[in-house]
Amino acid sequence: PVRYVGVGEKAGDLLPFDPKEFVDSLFA
C-alpha cells in the first residue's frame, strides 16, 4: 500500500510517502 504524507492543509498537498526522502528532510 502507498502511504501519503501531508505537507499542507489541503488534500492536494498529500504526497506519496517516501521513507528515505522523509528521513533526509528531517536531517536537512
N, C-alpha and C. Protein backbone atom coordinates (compact mmCIF):
# COMPACT_ATOMS: atom_id res chain seq x y z
N PRO A 1 0.84 -1.21 0.00
CA PRO A 1 0.00 0.00 0.00
C PRO A 1 0.87 1.25 0.00
N VAL A 2 0.40 2.25 -0.69
CA VAL A 2 1.13 3.52 -0.74
C VAL A 2 0.66 4.39 0.41
N ARG A 3 1.58 4.91 1.16
CA ARG A 3 1.23 5.81 2.26
C ARG A 3 1.42 7.25 1.78
N TYR A 4 0.65 8.14 2.36
CA TYR A 4 0.76 9.54 1.98
C TYR A 4 1.13 10.37 3.19
N VAL A 5 1.92 11.39 2.92
CA VAL A 5 2.32 12.30 3.99
C VAL A 5 1.79 13.69 3.64
N GLY A 6 1.18 14.33 4.61
CA GLY A 6 0.63 15.66 4.36
C GLY A 6 1.70 16.72 4.50
N VAL A 7 1.82 17.57 3.49
CA VAL A 7 2.80 18.65 3.55
C VAL A 7 2.10 19.99 3.62
N GLY A 8 0.78 19.96 3.75
CA GLY A 8 0.00 21.19 3.82
C GLY A 8 -1.38 20.89 4.38
N GLU A 9 -2.30 21.83 4.21
CA GLU A 9 -3.62 21.67 4.80
C GLU A 9 -4.63 21.12 3.81
N LYS A 10 -4.29 21.11 2.52
CA LYS A 10 -5.24 20.68 1.51
C LYS A 10 -4.97 19.24 1.10
N ALA A 11 -6.00 18.57 0.60
CA ALA A 11 -5.84 17.19 0.16
C ALA A 11 -4.81 17.13 -0.97
N GLY A 12 -4.72 18.18 -1.77
CA GLY A 12 -3.78 18.23 -2.88
C GLY A 12 -2.33 18.31 -2.41
N ASP A 13 -2.14 18.56 -1.11
CA ASP A 13 -0.79 18.65 -0.58
C ASP A 13 -0.26 17.30 -0.12
N LEU A 14 -1.07 16.26 -0.29
CA LEU A 14 -0.60 14.93 0.09
C LEU A 14 0.36 14.41 -0.97
N LEU A 15 1.47 13.87 -0.51
CA LEU A 15 2.46 13.32 -1.43
C LEU A 15 2.67 11.85 -1.09
N PRO A 16 3.00 11.04 -2.09
CA PRO A 16 3.35 9.65 -1.80
C PRO A 16 4.49 9.64 -0.79
N PHE A 17 4.36 8.81 0.23
CA PHE A 17 5.35 8.79 1.31
C PHE A 17 6.58 8.01 0.90
N ASP A 18 7.72 8.70 0.88
CA ASP A 18 9.00 8.06 0.57
C ASP A 18 9.84 8.11 1.84
N PRO A 19 10.00 6.96 2.50
CA PRO A 19 10.73 6.97 3.78
C PRO A 19 12.11 7.60 3.70
N LYS A 20 12.84 7.33 2.61
CA LYS A 20 14.19 7.88 2.51
C LYS A 20 14.15 9.40 2.42
N GLU A 21 13.27 9.93 1.57
CA GLU A 21 13.19 11.38 1.43
C GLU A 21 12.71 12.01 2.73
N PHE A 22 11.80 11.32 3.43
CA PHE A 22 11.30 11.83 4.70
C PHE A 22 12.44 11.97 5.70
N VAL A 23 13.26 10.93 5.80
CA VAL A 23 14.38 10.96 6.73
C VAL A 23 15.39 12.02 6.31
N ASP A 24 15.65 12.10 5.01
CA ASP A 24 16.59 13.11 4.53
C ASP A 24 16.10 14.51 4.88
N SER A 25 14.78 14.74 4.77
CA SER A 25 14.25 16.07 5.05
C SER A 25 14.36 16.40 6.54
N LEU A 26 14.28 15.38 7.38
CA LEU A 26 14.40 15.62 8.82
C LEU A 26 15.79 16.12 9.18
N PHE A 27 16.80 15.64 8.45
CA PHE A 27 18.17 15.99 8.78
C PHE A 27 18.75 17.03 7.84
N ALA A 28 17.91 17.60 6.99
CA ALA A 28 18.39 18.59 6.04
C ALA A 28 18.70 19.90 6.76
